[in-house]
Amino acid sequence: MAQTEFCAVGHGLQVVYNNHWVAVAGDANEVLVANSTGNVVSPLVAKQLKELFRARVDSTGGLRVGIVRCMQQPNARDCGLFAAAFLFEWAANSLQANLDVRFDVCVMRQHLVRCLETQDLVPFPKVRPHRNIKNKAQGTIRVTQVVRL
């Protein structure tokens, strides 16, 4: 069942759900979405974002949202882990943090469990890029597109 009827917020980090977990963040300047299955914002997630960031909805009912380039999940079951990893990166660093990194998928679930058990926010482990491949993900890589919902 999808989340609906959110209380409005001005800023913060949140996970929203519509048969798929998506990380969202907002600060004084922008609303961002990190989706581990692509650059699509479903209609229900758009509705949820408009409820969360109600004060930013314009007079025509639109909301500007930045779609963040991020690692794509390699399977159909780990979207919640990836949403958590994106939130951890934002929380530990900033909304400017690069999410287009290679998380170590084999240990993501155990890492999240350990963080919840110890109540410690530690960014998810990453895999280093191969030496002979130039890493285009270094530095801040944020919005790949801005959409109007």
C-alpha atoms as a PDB file:
ATOM      1  CA  MET A   1       0.000   0.000   0.000  1.00  0.00           C
ATOM      2  CA  ALA A   2       1.330   3.443  -0.903  1.00  0.00           C
ATOM      3  CA  GLN A   3       1.869   6.281   1.532  1.00  0.00           C
ATOM      4  CA  THR A   4      -0.643   9.093   1.168  1.00  0.00           C
ATOM      5  CA  GLU A   5      -1.719  12.234   2.985  1.00  0.00           C
ATOM      6  CA  PHE A   6       1.640  13.469   4.190  1.00  0.00           C
ATOM      7  CA  CYS A   7       1.993  16.371   6.579  1.00  0.00           C
ATOM      8  CA  ALA A   8       3.780  19.241   4.875  1.00  0.00           C
ATOM      9  CA  VAL A   9       7.448  19.831   5.657  1.00  0.00           C
ATOM     10  CA  GLY A  10       9.759  22.628   4.616  1.00  0.00           C
ATOM     11  CA  HIS A  11      12.938  20.588   4.446  1.00  0.00           C
ATOM     12  CA  GLY A  12      14.379  17.222   5.404  1.00  0.00           C
ATOM     13  CA  LEU A  13      15.122  13.699   4.246  1.00  0.00           C
ATOM     14  CA  GLN A  14      12.409  11.150   3.598  1.00  0.00           C
ATOM     15  CA  VAL A  15      11.711   7.837   1.923  1.00  0.00           C
ATOM     16  CA  VAL A  16       8.458   7.610  -0.027  1.00  0.00           C
ATOM     17  CA  TYR A  17       6.861   4.458  -1.326  1.00  0.00           C
ATOM     18  CA  ASN A  18       4.699   3.507  -4.308  1.00  0.00           C
ATOM     19  CA  ASN A  19       5.487  -0.193  -4.808  1.00  0.00           C
ATOM     20  CA  HIS A  20       9.083   1.053  -4.875  1.00  0.00           C
ATOM     21  CA  TRP A  21      11.156   2.987  -2.286  1.00  0.00           C
ATOM     22  CA  VAL A  22      12.545   6.368  -3.391  1.00  0.00           C
ATOM     23  CA  ALA A  23      14.760   8.789  -1.428  1.00  0.00           C
ATOM     24  CA  VAL A  24      13.685  12.442  -1.376  1.00  0.00           C
ATOM     25  CA  ALA A  25      15.273  15.493   0.193  1.00  0.00           C
ATOM     26  CA  GLY A  26      14.514  19.142   0.440  1.00  0.00           C
ATOM     27  CA  ASP A  27      16.403  22.154   1.687  1.00  0.00           C
ATOM     28  CA  ALA A  28      15.851  25.881   1.408  1.00  0.00           C
ATOM     29  CA  ASN A  29      16.614  25.825  -2.321  1.00  0.00           C
ATOM     30  CA  GLU A  30      15.434  22.596  -3.902  1.00  0.00           C
ATOM     31  CA  VAL A  31      13.612  19.277  -3.750  1.00  0.00           C
ATOM     32  CA  LEU A  32      15.639  16.251  -4.893  1.00  0.00           C
ATOM     33  CA  VAL A  33      14.681  12.687  -5.802  1.00  0.00           C
ATOM     34  CA  ALA A  34      17.086   9.723  -5.948  1.00  0.00           C
ATOM     35  CA  ASN A  35      15.516   6.701  -7.638  1.00  0.00           C
ATOM     36  CA  SER A  36      17.546   3.492  -7.940  1.00  0.00           C
ATOM     37  CA  THR A  37      15.507   2.297 -10.922  1.00  0.00           C
ATOM     38  CA  GLY A  38      15.770   5.334 -13.164  1.00  0.00           C
ATOM     39  CA  ASN A  39      14.791   8.938 -13.689  1.00  0.00           C
ATOM     40  CA  VAL A  40      11.033   8.462 -13.499  1.00  0.00           C
ATOM     41  CA  VAL A  41       8.832   9.995 -10.820  1.00  0.00           C
ATOM     42  CA  SER A  42       5.557   8.090 -10.688  1.00  0.00           C
ATOM     43  CA  PRO A  43       2.284  10.031 -10.447  1.00  0.00           C
ATOM     44  CA  LEU A  44       1.715   8.828  -6.869  1.00  0.00           C
ATOM     45  CA  VAL A  45       5.237   9.851  -5.784  1.00  0.00           C
ATOM     46  CA  ALA A  46       4.618  13.246  -7.452  1.00  0.00           C
ATOM     47  CA  LYS A  47       1.431  13.573  -5.390  1.00  0.00           C
ATOM     48  CA  GLN A  48       3.336  12.646  -2.226  1.00  0.00           C
ATOM     49  CA  LEU A  49       6.061  15.204  -2.987  1.00  0.00           C
ATOM     50  CA  LYS A  50       3.470  17.926  -3.509  1.00  0.00           C
ATOM     51  CA  GLU A  51       1.987  17.078  -0.110  1.00  0.00           C
ATOM     52  CA  LEU A  52       5.387  17.025   1.606  1.00  0.00           C
ATOM     53  CA  PHE A  53       6.628  20.238   0.026  1.00  0.00           C
ATOM     54  CA  ARG A  54       3.251  21.982  -0.223  1.00  0.00           C
ATOM     55  CA  ALA A  55       4.720  25.466   0.272  1.00  0.00           C
ATOM     56  CA  ARG A  56       6.795  25.046  -2.919  1.00  0.00           C
ATOM     57  CA  VAL A  57       3.892  24.122  -5.179  1.00  0.00           C
ATOM     58  CA  ASP A  58       3.331  26.975  -7.617  1.00  0.00           C
ATOM     59  CA  SER A  59       0.031  28.630  -8.525  1.00  0.00           C
ATOM     60  CA  THR A  60      -0.533  26.162 -11.372  1.00  0.00           C
ATOM     61  CA  GLY A  61      -0.087  23.150  -9.069  1.00  0.00           C
ATOM     62  CA  GLY A  62       3.440  22.346 -10.241  1.00  0.00           C
ATOM     63  CA  LEU A  63       6.519  21.495  -8.195  1.00  0.00           C
ATOM     64  CA  ARG A  64      10.097  21.713  -9.509  1.00  0.00           C
ATOM     65  CA  VAL A  65      12.059  18.608  -8.561  1.00  0.00           C
ATOM     66  CA  GLY A  66      15.657  17.718  -9.336  1.00  0.00           C
ATOM     67  CA  ILE A  67      16.262  14.118 -10.374  1.00  0.00           C
ATOM     68  CA  VAL A  68      19.627  13.068  -8.943  1.00  0.00           C
ATOM     69  CA  ARG A  69      21.981  10.775 -10.819  1.00  0.00           C
ATOM     70  CA  CYS A  70      22.532   7.793  -8.537  1.00  0.00           C
ATOM     71  CA  MET A  71      23.603   4.161  -8.552  1.00  0.00           C
ATOM     72  CA  GLN A  72      21.025   1.856 -10.081  1.00  0.00           C
ATOM     73  CA  GLN A  73      20.087  -1.288  -8.211  1.00  0.00           C
ATOM     74  CA  PRO A  74      21.186  -4.538  -9.874  1.00  0.00           C
ATOM     75  CA  ASN A  75      18.033  -6.468  -8.971  1.00  0.00           C
ATOM     76  CA  ALA A  76      14.315  -6.039  -8.288  1.00  0.00           C
ATOM     77  CA  ARG A  77      14.372  -6.304  -4.491  1.00  0.00           C
ATOM     78  CA  ASP A  78      16.871  -3.817  -3.038  1.00  0.00           C
ATOM     79  CA  CYS A  79      15.181  -0.459  -3.652  1.00  0.00           C
ATOM     80  CA  GLY A  80      14.708   0.085   0.094  1.00  0.00           C
ATOM     81  CA  LEU A  81      18.402  -0.532   0.738  1.00  0.00           C
ATOM     82  CA  PHE A  82      19.372   1.913  -1.974  1.00  0.00           C
ATOM     83  CA  ALA A  83      16.922   4.557  -0.714  1.00  0.00           C
ATOM     84  CA  ALA A  84      18.469   4.174   2.763  1.00  0.00           C
ATOM     85  CA  ALA A  85      22.004   4.383   1.328  1.00  0.00           C
ATOM     86  CA  PHE A  86      21.145   7.602  -0.525  1.00  0.00           C
ATOM     87  CA  LEU A  87      19.666   9.135   2.630  1.00  0.00           C
ATOM     88  CA  PHE A  88      22.737   8.120   4.652  1.00  0.00           C
ATOM     89  CA  GLU A  89      24.995   9.829   2.072  1.00  0.00           C
ATOM     90  CA  TRP A  90      22.924  13.012   2.189  1.00  0.00           C
ATOM     91  CA  ALA A  91      22.720  12.975   6.003  1.00  0.00           C
ATOM     92  CA  ALA A  92      26.413  12.247   6.556  1.00  0.00           C
ATOM     93  CA  ASN A  93      27.637  14.739   3.952  1.00  0.00           C
ATOM     94  CA  SER A  94      25.140  17.168   2.426  1.00  0.00           C
ATOM     95  CA  LEU A  95      22.526  17.348  -0.288  1.00  0.00           C
ATOM     96  CA  GLN A  96      25.465  18.116  -2.570  1.00  0.00           C
ATOM     97  CA  ALA A  97      26.850  14.594  -1.963  1.00  0.00           C
ATOM     98  CA  ASN A  98      27.627  12.454  -4.973  1.00  0.00           C
ATOM     99  CA  LEU A  99      25.157   9.542  -5.138  1.00  0.00           C
ATOM    100  CA  ASP A 100      26.560   8.211  -8.408  1.00  0.00           C
ATOM    101  CA  VAL A 101      28.938   5.874  -6.576  1.00  0.00           C
ATOM    102  CA  ARG A 102      29.301   2.093  -6.480  1.00  0.00           C
ATOM    103  CA  PHE A 103      27.942   0.735  -3.216  1.00  0.00           C
ATOM    104  CA  ASP A 104      29.116  -2.725  -2.179  1.00  0.00           C
ATOM    105  CA  VAL A 105      25.788  -4.461  -2.826  1.00  0.00           C
ATOM    106  CA  CYS A 106      26.898  -7.703  -1.121  1.00  0.00           C
ATOM    107  CA  VAL A 107      27.111  -6.029   2.299  1.00  0.00           C
ATOM    108  CA  MET A 108      24.375  -3.369   2.073  1.00  0.00           C
ATOM    109  CA  ARG A 109      21.729  -5.323   3.975  1.00  0.00           C
ATOM    110  CA  GLN A 110      24.104  -6.281   6.812  1.00  0.00           C
ATOM    111  CA  HIS A 111      25.355  -2.698   7.019  1.00  0.00           C
ATOM    112  CA  LEU A 112      21.839  -1.303   7.393  1.00  0.00           C
ATOM    113  CA  VAL A 113      20.987  -3.840  10.108  1.00  0.00           C
ATOM    114  CA  ARG A 114      24.187  -2.965  11.997  1.00  0.00           C
ATOM    115  CA  CYS A 115      23.446   0.777  11.761  1.00  0.00           C
ATOM    116  CA  LEU A 116      19.910   0.274  13.065  1.00  0.00           C
ATOM    117  CA  GLU A 117      21.063  -1.978  15.903  1.00  0.00           C
ATOM    118  CA  THR A 118      23.823   0.393  17.001  1.00  0.00           C
ATOM    119  CA  GLN A 119      21.824   3.542  16.206  1.00  0.00           C
ATOM    120  CA  ASP A 120      24.830   4.859  14.330  1.00  0.00           C
ATOM    121  CA  LEU A 121      24.648   6.640  10.986  1.00  0.00           C
ATOM    122  CA  VAL A 122      27.555   5.342   8.910  1.00  0.00           C
ATOM    123  CA  PRO A 123      27.587   5.732   5.116  1.00  0.00           C
ATOM    124  CA  PHE A 124      27.239   2.469   3.216  1.00  0.00           C
ATOM    125  CA  PRO A 125      30.474   0.758   2.088  1.00  0.00           C
ATOM    126  CA  LYS A 126      31.539   1.506  -1.457  1.00  0.00           C
ATOM    127  CA  VAL A 127      33.529  -0.451  -4.016  1.00  0.00           C
ATOM    128  CA  ARG A 128      36.512   1.321  -5.494  1.00  0.00           C
ATOM    129  CA  PRO A 129      36.471   1.770  -9.260  1.00  0.00           C
ATOM    130  CA  HIS A 130      38.881  -0.255 -11.368  1.00  0.00           C
ATOM    131  CA  ARG A 131      42.244   1.476 -11.792  1.00  0.00           C
ATOM    132  CA  ASN A 132      42.083   1.551 -15.577  1.00  0.00           C
ATOM    133  CA  ILE A 133      38.607   3.085 -15.707  1.00  0.00           C
ATOM    134  CA  LYS A 134      38.307   6.799 -15.199  1.00  0.00           C
ATOM    135  CA  ASN A 135      35.688   7.449 -12.520  1.00  0.00           C
ATOM    136  CA  LYS A 136      33.246  10.003 -13.872  1.00  0.00           C
ATOM    137  CA  ALA A 137      31.467   9.972 -10.509  1.00  0.00           C
ATOM    138  CA  GLN A 138      34.165  11.836  -8.579  1.00  0.00           C
ATOM    139  CA  GLY A 139      33.106  15.121  -7.049  1.00  0.00           C
ATOM    140  CA  THR A 140      29.616  16.480  -6.740  1.00  0.00           C
ATOM    141  CA  ILE A 141      27.186  15.126  -9.287  1.00  0.00           C
ATOM    142  CA  ARG A 142      23.669  16.120  -8.538  1.00  0.00           C
ATOM    143  CA  VAL A 143      20.747  16.866 -10.745  1.00  0.00           C
ATOM    144  CA  THR A 144      20.502  15.187 -14.120  1.00  0.00           C
ATOM    145  CA  GLN A 145      17.240  16.900 -14.925  1.00  0.00           C
ATOM    146  CA  VAL A 146      14.677  19.179 -13.365  1.00  0.00           C
ATOM    147  CA  VAL A 147      11.097  18.132 -13.878  1.00  0.00           C
ATOM    148  CA  ARG A 148       7.849  19.877 -13.145  1.00  0.00           C
ATOM    149  CA  LEU A 149       5.390  17.574 -11.433  1.00  0.00           C
END
